[in-house]
């Protein structure tokens, strides 16, 4: 399917509520950016414990983000190939 009109989202697409999972996943993604920045600064300042803690949290948040995103993809009423909306969302 292609996007041929001026309507967004395209007709027939059931959109997801942006607040439960997409919002949580955005927060997880932003937190992982914070923890990797913490790890980077710890590395620069020779703080081995801060580096390890920052990296462990970053990896954990990355795994959580991936699991939530996979859950979201599996349960979404649309997929990558269904429309431009699905491809844009994911």
Protein backbone atom coordinates (compact mmCIF):
# COMPACT_ATOMS: atom_id res chain seq x y z
CA UNK A 1 0.00 0.00 0.00
CA UNK A 2 1.13 3.53 -0.64
CA UNK A 3 0.19 6.87 0.84
CA UNK A 4 -1.85 8.63 -1.84
CA UNK A 5 -3.88 11.20 0.01
CA UNK A 6 -3.61 14.09 2.39
CA UNK A 7 -5.04 12.13 5.33
CA UNK A 8 -2.75 11.07 8.16
CA UNK A 9 -2.78 8.39 9.31
CA UNK A 10 -4.01 6.70 6.14
CA UNK A 11 -7.61 5.52 6.15
CA UNK A 12 -8.09 2.05 7.57
CA UNK A 13 -5.08 2.19 9.90
CA UNK A 14 -5.78 1.64 13.58
CA UNK A 15 -3.26 3.85 15.39
CA UNK A 16 -1.68 3.08 18.74
CA UNK A 17 -2.23 5.23 21.80
CA UNK A 18 1.10 7.07 22.22
CA UNK A 19 1.02 7.13 25.99
CA UNK A 20 1.44 3.64 27.38
CA UNK A 21 4.21 1.75 25.60
CA UNK A 22 5.59 4.30 23.12
CA UNK A 23 5.99 6.87 25.90
CA UNK A 24 7.66 4.36 28.24
CA UNK A 25 10.00 3.26 25.48
CA UNK A 26 10.93 6.87 24.73
CA UNK A 27 11.75 7.41 28.40
CA UNK A 28 13.84 4.21 28.46
CA UNK A 29 15.72 5.40 25.36
CA UNK A 30 16.43 8.81 26.89
CA UNK A 31 17.58 7.22 30.14
CA UNK A 32 19.97 4.95 28.26
CA UNK A 33 21.50 8.04 26.65
CA UNK A 34 21.99 9.47 30.13
CA UNK A 35 23.61 6.32 31.50
CA UNK A 36 26.00 5.96 28.55
CA UNK A 37 26.98 9.62 29.03
CA UNK A 38 27.63 8.85 32.71
CA UNK A 39 29.81 5.91 31.67
CA UNK A 40 31.71 8.09 29.19
CA UNK A 41 32.40 10.79 31.77
CA UNK A 42 33.47 8.14 34.28
CA UNK A 43 35.92 6.77 31.71
CA UNK A 44 37.39 10.21 31.10
CA UNK A 45 37.83 10.80 34.84
CA UNK A 46 39.26 7.35 35.59
CA UNK A 47 36.22 6.26 37.62
CA UNK A 48 36.15 2.53 36.88
CA UNK A 49 33.17 1.80 39.16
CA UNK A 50 31.09 4.58 37.53
CA UNK A 51 32.09 3.31 34.08
CA UNK A 52 30.99 -0.24 34.85
CA UNK A 53 27.75 0.87 36.54
CA UNK A 54 26.91 3.20 33.66
CA UNK A 55 27.57 0.53 31.05
CA UNK A 56 25.62 -2.15 32.94
CA UNK A 57 22.63 0.18 33.24
CA UNK A 58 22.93 1.16 29.57
CA UNK A 59 22.96 -2.47 28.43
CA UNK A 60 20.03 -3.29 30.73
CA UNK A 61 18.02 -0.34 29.44
CA UNK A 62 18.89 -1.33 25.86
CA UNK A 63 17.60 -4.85 26.46
CA UNK A 64 14.43 -3.49 28.11
CA UNK A 65 13.90 -1.10 25.17
CA UNK A 66 14.30 -3.97 22.70
CA UNK A 67 11.86 -6.21 24.60
CA UNK A 68 9.21 -3.48 24.84
CA UNK A 69 9.66 -2.65 21.17
CA UNK A 70 9.34 -6.33 20.19
CA UNK A 71 6.17 -6.63 22.30
CA UNK A 72 4.82 -3.49 20.66
CA UNK A 73 5.60 -4.84 17.17
CA UNK A 74 4.03 -8.23 17.85
CA UNK A 75 0.81 -6.72 19.21
CA UNK A 76 0.44 -3.75 16.83
CA UNK A 77 -2.56 -3.85 14.51
CA UNK A 78 -0.22 -2.96 11.61
CA UNK A 79 3.23 -3.99 10.40
CA UNK A 80 6.22 -2.62 8.52
CA UNK A 81 4.88 -3.62 5.14
CA UNK A 82 1.23 -2.71 5.67
CA UNK A 83 1.58 1.01 4.96
CA UNK A 84 3.81 4.04 5.23
CA UNK A 85 2.35 4.52 8.72
CA UNK A 86 3.70 1.17 9.92
CA UNK A 87 7.10 1.80 8.37
CA UNK A 88 7.24 5.29 9.90
CA UNK A 89 6.07 4.13 13.33
CA UNK A 90 8.69 1.39 13.62
